[in-house]
Amino acid sequence: MSLGWDDWFQERFALFAHQGYAPARVIADFGAEYLLHDGDESLRAAAGRHLRNDGGQLPAVGDWVALRHREPVSTIHGWVERKTAFSRKVAWVETKEQVLAANVDIAFVVASAQDVNARRIERYLTMAWQSGAVPVVVLTKSDIAASPGDLRVELEAAAMGTPVLVTSAVTGEGIEALAEQLRPARTGVLLGPSGAGKSTLINRMAGRPTCPTYACFVTGITGWCMKAAGKSSAPTTDAFSRSQRRPRSSGYHGDRINNFFQRPRSRSRTLWSTAICFHLRRSSVRRRASLLAATARSSRWSLR
């Protein structure tokens, strides 16, 4: 079966097997449905009614589940005990655990040669250790570093004995050593900030473009922006608020919001929404009321 299936999972799946269920692994979670792989093919599935109604945890990406084959959507009736789990508290005020990824064997903590931050590496390593996975620090974009050796020494000092791999998706340096970490059938996860080169690394290891990538550049003032398919995406909240902020005229916010709600749904819409929320927090009480009114008119909401 592969996909990380071993005797440990086989033993714990025995009860489900006696009931006639088949094993499959969750490879994507879309909320209402899951994408699974049984070792031969990918298939759609939804959590059974008893899983949705009991108020407990639902399967997460990486889980091995007990599957009942049906057309067009199969049903998940349970999942096998987890070896490891990356989790956090769910959003808002609830105090539930949200599992982000399960049964991960190795955690690659990714740092770009353009932005090495020892304290950030320590936080990611802590997350990896708490999950139960084995961490490995990966330095990407070594081809553009003036001194990759010095960066490696800096990372080794912060990694506290964790192995450090120096890689480049352009030259291929370190790619084979990275792939060796996943043999014969280990599951890995990449941890790191946006722009660290995680997607590019996956594409190089897979030998084909499986993940969309973006060209990154430094604004010179506030941080990173991205450019994809020849068009600049909306700037991040911090970059927008400082380097590209316009004079605060009375019509500026309304015009910006009108343009925002007229755009089609896209990634840039989400980023503009973040920027608008930022200005809402930073505005005065009078400006805040004006902005809310403009938002209501543009989106046909009613203020009550």
Protein backbone atom coordinates (compact mmCIF):
# COMPACT_ATOMS: atom_id res chain seq x y z
CA MET A 1 0.00 0.00 0.00
CA SER A 2 2.90 2.39 0.78
CA LEU A 3 1.91 6.03 1.60
CA GLY A 4 3.48 5.42 5.01
CA TRP A 5 1.39 2.35 5.87
CA ASP A 6 3.31 -0.01 8.17
CA ASP A 7 2.82 -2.71 10.79
CA TRP A 8 2.02 -0.09 13.45
CA PHE A 9 -1.06 1.09 11.52
CA GLN A 10 -1.90 -2.44 10.39
CA GLU A 11 -2.19 -3.57 14.00
CA ARG A 12 -4.44 -0.67 14.99
CA PHE A 13 -6.62 -1.03 11.92
CA ALA A 14 -7.44 -4.68 12.69
CA LEU A 15 -10.77 -3.85 14.37
CA PHE A 16 -11.95 -1.82 11.36
CA ALA A 17 -10.80 -4.57 9.00
CA HIS A 18 -12.97 -7.13 10.81
CA GLN A 19 -15.97 -4.87 10.21
CA GLY A 20 -15.31 -4.78 6.47
CA TYR A 21 -13.78 -1.31 6.15
CA ALA A 22 -10.86 -0.49 3.86
CA PRO A 23 -7.89 1.74 4.82
CA ALA A 24 -7.18 5.00 3.01
CA ARG A 25 -5.18 8.11 3.81
CA VAL A 26 -6.46 11.69 3.87
CA ILE A 27 -4.44 13.80 1.43
CA ALA A 28 -6.66 16.92 1.38
CA ASP A 29 -9.40 18.39 3.58
CA PHE A 30 -12.01 20.56 1.83
CA GLY A 31 -14.33 20.91 4.81
CA ALA A 32 -17.46 19.17 3.54
CA GLU A 33 -15.46 16.47 1.77
CA TYR A 34 -12.04 14.85 1.86
CA LEU A 35 -9.70 13.65 -0.83
CA LEU A 36 -8.31 10.21 0.03
CA HIS A 37 -5.80 7.81 -1.49
CA ASP A 38 -5.95 4.06 -0.96
CA GLY A 39 -2.60 3.26 -2.57
CA ASP A 40 -4.12 2.71 -6.01
CA GLU A 41 -6.26 5.76 -6.73
CA SER A 42 -7.62 9.00 -5.32
CA LEU A 43 -11.26 9.18 -4.27
CA ARG A 44 -13.74 11.53 -2.64
CA ALA A 45 -15.21 10.84 0.77
CA ALA A 46 -17.27 12.50 3.48
CA ALA A 47 -17.30 11.95 7.23
CA GLY A 48 -20.04 9.65 8.44
CA ARG A 49 -23.05 11.10 10.23
CA HIS A 50 -21.95 9.79 13.63
CA LEU A 51 -18.56 11.56 13.24
CA ARG A 52 -20.19 14.87 12.32
CA ASN A 53 -22.80 14.77 15.07
CA ASP A 54 -20.84 13.61 18.12
CA GLY A 55 -18.99 16.95 18.46
CA GLY A 56 -15.55 15.36 18.53
CA GLN A 57 -12.59 15.70 16.21
CA LEU A 58 -12.90 14.96 12.53
CA PRO A 59 -10.20 13.35 10.38
CA ALA A 60 -7.25 15.56 9.47
CA VAL A 61 -4.78 15.55 6.60
CA GLY A 62 -2.44 12.58 7.08
CA ASP A 63 -4.92 10.43 9.00
CA TRP A 64 -5.52 6.79 8.10
CA VAL A 65 -9.29 6.30 7.98
CA ALA A 66 -11.75 3.42 7.81
CA LEU A 67 -13.53 3.74 4.49
CA ARG A 68 -16.77 2.33 3.08
CA HIS A 69 -16.70 2.52 -0.71
CA ARG A 70 -19.78 4.12 -2.26
CA GLU A 71 -20.60 6.06 -5.40
CA PRO A 72 -20.13 8.90 -6.02
CA VAL A 73 -18.81 9.76 -2.52
CA SER A 74 -17.46 7.19 -0.07
CA THR A 75 -18.03 7.38 3.69
CA ILE A 76 -15.47 7.67 6.50
CA HIS A 77 -16.47 5.75 9.63
CA GLY A 78 -13.41 6.33 11.82
CA TRP A 79 -9.69 6.83 11.86
CA VAL A 80 -6.67 5.02 13.21
CA GLU A 81 -4.76 6.23 16.27
CA ARG A 82 -2.26 8.94 15.35
CA LYS A 83 1.48 8.58 15.71
CA THR A 84 2.10 12.33 15.64
CA ALA A 85 -0.01 15.46 15.23
CA PHE A 86 0.52 19.14 14.48
CA SER A 87 -2.27 20.97 16.25
CA ARG A 88 -3.42 24.33 17.55
CA LYS A 89 -6.45 25.88 19.23
CA VAL A 90 -9.38 26.50 16.93
CA ALA A 91 -10.15 30.09 15.97
CA TRP A 92 -12.20 32.46 18.12
CA VAL A 93 -13.25 31.66 21.69
CA GLU A 94 -13.63 27.88 21.55
CA THR A 95 -11.07 25.83 23.45
CA LYS A 96 -10.98 22.87 21.08
CA GLU A 97 -7.92 21.36 19.46
CA GLN A 98 -7.59 21.67 15.69
CA VAL A 99 -5.30 19.07 14.12
CA LEU A 100 -3.54 20.48 11.06
CA ALA A 101 -1.57 17.40 10.01
CA ALA A 102 -1.31 13.89 11.41
CA ASN A 103 1.14 10.98 11.23
CA VAL A 104 4.06 13.13 10.07
CA ASP A 105 7.41 11.39 10.43
CA ILE A 106 9.77 14.25 9.62
CA ALA A 107 9.32 18.04 9.78
CA PHE A 108 11.46 20.15 7.46
CA VAL A 109 11.94 23.61 9.01
CA VAL A 110 12.61 25.80 5.97
CA ALA A 111 14.62 29.03 6.04
CA SER A 112 15.55 31.13 3.03
CA ALA A 113 19.14 32.29 2.60
CA GLN A 114 17.64 35.77 2.10
CA ASP A 115 15.95 35.78 5.50
CA VAL A 116 17.65 33.69 8.20
CA ASN A 117 16.04 34.31 11.58
CA ALA A 118 17.40 32.15 14.41
CA ARG A 119 14.53 32.91 16.82
CA ARG A 120 11.95 31.93 14.20
CA ILE A 121 13.80 28.66 13.59
CA GLU A 122 13.66 27.90 17.31
CA ARG A 123 9.88 28.41 17.34
CA TYR A 124 9.37 26.06 14.41
CA LEU A 125 11.65 23.46 16.01
CA THR A 126 9.61 23.64 19.20
CA MET A 127 6.45 23.04 17.18
CA ALA A 128 8.04 20.03 15.48
CA TRP A 129 9.27 18.49 18.75
CA GLN A 130 5.87 18.93 20.38
CA SER A 131 4.19 17.14 17.48
CA GLY A 132 6.39 14.06 17.85
CA ALA A 133 7.97 14.39 14.39
CA VAL A 134 11.73 14.42 13.79
CA PRO A 135 12.88 17.94 12.73
CA VAL A 136 15.41 18.78 10.03
CA VAL A 137 16.42 22.37 9.24
CA VAL A 138 16.58 23.18 5.51
CA LEU A 139 18.35 26.25 4.12
CA THR A 140 16.96 27.13 0.68
CA LYS A 141 18.19 29.43 -2.13
CA SER A 142 21.85 28.77 -1.36
CA ASP A 143 22.70 29.73 -4.96
CA ILE A 144 22.07 33.41 -4.19
CA ALA A 145 23.79 33.46 -0.78
CA ALA A 146 27.15 35.21 -0.50
CA SER A 147 28.36 32.69 2.09
CA PRO A 148 26.15 29.59 2.55
CA GLY A 149 28.71 28.12 4.94
CA ASP A 150 28.32 30.98 7.40
CA LEU A 151 24.54 30.69 7.23
CA ARG A 152 24.77 26.98 7.93
CA VAL A 153 26.90 27.62 11.01
CA GLU A 154 24.33 30.16 12.24
CA LEU A 155 21.49 27.68 11.74
CA GLU A 156 23.39 24.86 13.43
CA ALA A 157 23.89 27.08 16.48
CA ALA A 158 20.13 27.73 16.66
CA ALA A 159 19.12 24.15 15.79
CA MET A 160 20.63 22.61 18.95
CA GLY A 161 21.85 19.39 17.34
CA THR A 162 19.17 19.16 14.64
CA PRO A 163 20.59 18.27 11.19
CA VAL A 164 20.92 21.20 8.76
CA LEU A 165 20.67 20.68 4.98
CA VAL A 166 21.75 23.34 2.48
CA THR A 167 19.67 23.21 -0.72
CA SER A 168 19.04 25.05 -3.96
CA ALA A 169 16.11 24.32 -6.28
CA VAL A 170 18.04 26.04 -9.09
CA THR A 171 21.32 24.11 -8.96
CA GLY A 172 19.90 20.95 -7.37
CA GLU A 173 22.25 21.13 -4.39
CA GLY A 174 20.96 19.10 -1.45
CA ILE A 175 17.80 17.87 -3.23
CA GLU A 176 18.89 14.22 -3.20
CA ALA A 177 19.82 14.44 0.49
CA LEU A 178 16.37 15.89 1.17
CA ALA A 179 14.63 13.09 -0.75
CA GLU A 180 16.72 10.51 1.13
CA GLN A 181 15.13 11.72 4.38
CA LEU A 182 11.76 10.50 3.09
CA ARG A 183 12.84 7.01 2.03
CA PRO A 184 11.58 4.36 2.06
CA ALA A 185 8.06 5.60 2.89
CA ARG A 186 8.20 8.45 5.38
CA THR A 187 5.79 11.37 5.53
CA GLY A 188 7.22 14.89 5.65
CA VAL A 189 5.86 18.38 6.19
CA LEU A 190 7.47 21.73 5.33
CA LEU A 191 7.31 24.49 7.94
CA GLY A 192 8.37 28.03 7.17
CA PRO A 193 7.24 31.58 6.35
CA SER A 194 5.91 32.74 2.99
CA GLY A 195 8.65 33.16 0.40
CA ALA A 196 11.01 30.63 1.99
CA GLY A 197 10.89 28.41 -1.10
CA LYS A 198 8.72 25.53 0.17
CA SER A 199 6.62 25.14 -2.99
CA THR A 200 9.64 25.45 -5.27
CA LEU A 201 11.40 22.78 -3.23
CA ILE A 202 8.43 20.42 -3.58
CA ASN A 203 8.30 21.00 -7.34
CA ARG A 204 12.01 20.23 -7.68
CA MET A 205 11.71 17.03 -5.64
CA ALA A 206 8.62 15.91 -7.58
CA GLY A 207 10.23 16.68 -10.92
CA ARG A 208 7.17 18.58 -12.12
CA PRO A 209 5.19 21.73 -11.17
CA THR A 210 2.77 20.42 -8.55
CA CYS A 211 2.52 23.63 -6.48
CA PRO A 212 2.05 27.22 -7.72
CA THR A 213 5.03 29.45 -7.03
CA TYR A 214 5.55 33.21 -6.77
CA ALA A 215 8.55 35.42 -7.36
CA CYS A 216 9.41 37.28 -4.16
CA PHE A 217 11.15 40.61 -3.73
CA VAL A 218 11.92 42.97 -0.86
CA THR A 219 10.10 46.31 -0.81
CA GLY A 220 13.11 48.03 0.75
CA ILE A 221 11.04 49.44 3.60
CA THR A 222 8.68 46.98 5.19
CA GLY A 223 9.18 43.44 3.98
CA TRP A 224 8.14 41.02 1.26
CA CYS A 225 5.77 41.32 -1.68
CA MET A 226 4.96 38.71 -4.31
CA LYS A 227 4.57 38.71 -8.07
CA ALA A 228 2.92 35.95 -10.07
CA ALA A 229 2.20 35.44 -13.77
CA GLY A 230 3.61 38.85 -14.61
CA LYS A 231 1.14 40.72 -12.41
CA SER A 232 1.86 42.13 -8.99
CA SER A 233 -0.46 40.83 -6.32
CA ALA A 234 -1.94 43.13 -3.71
CA PRO A 235 0.71 44.09 -1.15
CA THR A 236 0.75 42.71 2.34
CA THR A 237 -0.93 44.68 5.11
CA ASP A 238 2.33 46.11 6.44
CA ALA A 239 3.68 47.03 3.01
CA PHE A 240 0.40 48.66 2.00
CA SER A 241 0.11 50.65 5.19
CA ARG A 242 3.55 52.23 4.94
CA SER A 243 5.16 52.17 1.52
CA GLN A 244 2.05 52.57 -0.65
CA ARG A 245 -0.33 54.53 1.53
CA ARG A 246 -2.06 57.48 -0.13
CA PRO A 247 -3.06 60.75 1.52
CA ARG A 248 -6.04 60.30 3.78
CA SER A 249 -8.61 62.24 1.78
CA SER A 250 -12.30 61.86 2.59
CA GLY A 251 -13.02 59.93 -0.62
CA TYR A 252 -10.00 57.66 -0.61
CA HIS A 253 -11.37 54.86 1.56
CA GLY A 254 -14.74 54.80 -0.19
CA ASP A 255 -13.18 54.69 -3.66
CA ARG A 256 -10.82 51.93 -2.63
CA ILE A 257 -13.64 49.85 -1.15
CA ASN A 258 -15.85 50.40 -4.22
CA ASN A 259 -13.07 49.07 -6.44
CA PHE A 260 -12.55 46.16 -4.07
CA PHE A 261 -16.14 44.93 -4.11
CA GLN A 262 -16.36 45.27 -7.90
CA ARG A 263 -13.42 42.89 -8.39
CA PRO A 264 -13.97 39.18 -9.01
CA ARG A 265 -13.23 36.76 -6.19
CA SER A 266 -9.51 36.12 -6.13
CA ARG A 267 -6.44 35.93 -3.92
CA SER A 268 -5.97 39.67 -4.29
CA ARG A 269 -9.48 40.24 -2.91
CA THR A 270 -8.51 38.50 0.32
CA LEU A 271 -5.33 40.56 0.59
CA TRP A 272 -7.20 43.81 -0.06
CA SER A 273 -9.65 42.80 2.65
CA THR A 274 -6.74 42.46 5.08
CA ALA A 275 -5.46 45.88 4.09
CA ILE A 276 -8.89 47.43 4.58
CA CYS A 277 -9.20 45.88 8.03
CA PHE A 278 -5.79 47.30 8.89
CA HIS A 279 -6.90 50.81 7.97
CA LEU A 280 -10.11 50.31 9.89
CA ARG A 281 -8.15 49.56 13.04
CA ARG A 282 -5.80 52.50 12.54
CA SER A 283 -8.44 55.08 11.62
CA SER A 284 -9.98 57.61 13.96
CA VAL A 285 -13.55 57.19 15.21
CA ARG A 286 -14.82 59.60 12.56
CA ARG A 287 -12.90 57.86 9.79
CA ARG A 288 -14.10 54.48 11.04
CA ALA A 289 -17.75 55.52 10.73
CA SER A 290 -17.13 56.83 7.19
CA LEU A 291 -15.40 53.62 6.20
CA LEU A 292 -18.19 51.41 7.56
CA ALA A 293 -20.78 53.47 5.71
CA ALA A 294 -18.86 53.19 2.44
CA THR A 295 -18.50 49.44 2.97
CA ALA A 296 -22.22 49.07 3.55
CA ARG A 297 -23.12 51.01 0.40
CA SER A 298 -20.64 49.13 -1.78
CA SER A 299 -21.67 45.65 -0.69
CA ARG A 300 -25.41 46.43 -0.33
CA TRP A 301 -25.41 45.73 3.36
CA SER A 302 -27.70 47.57 5.78
CA LEU A 303 -26.42 49.15 8.98
CA ARG A 304 -28.74 48.63 11.89
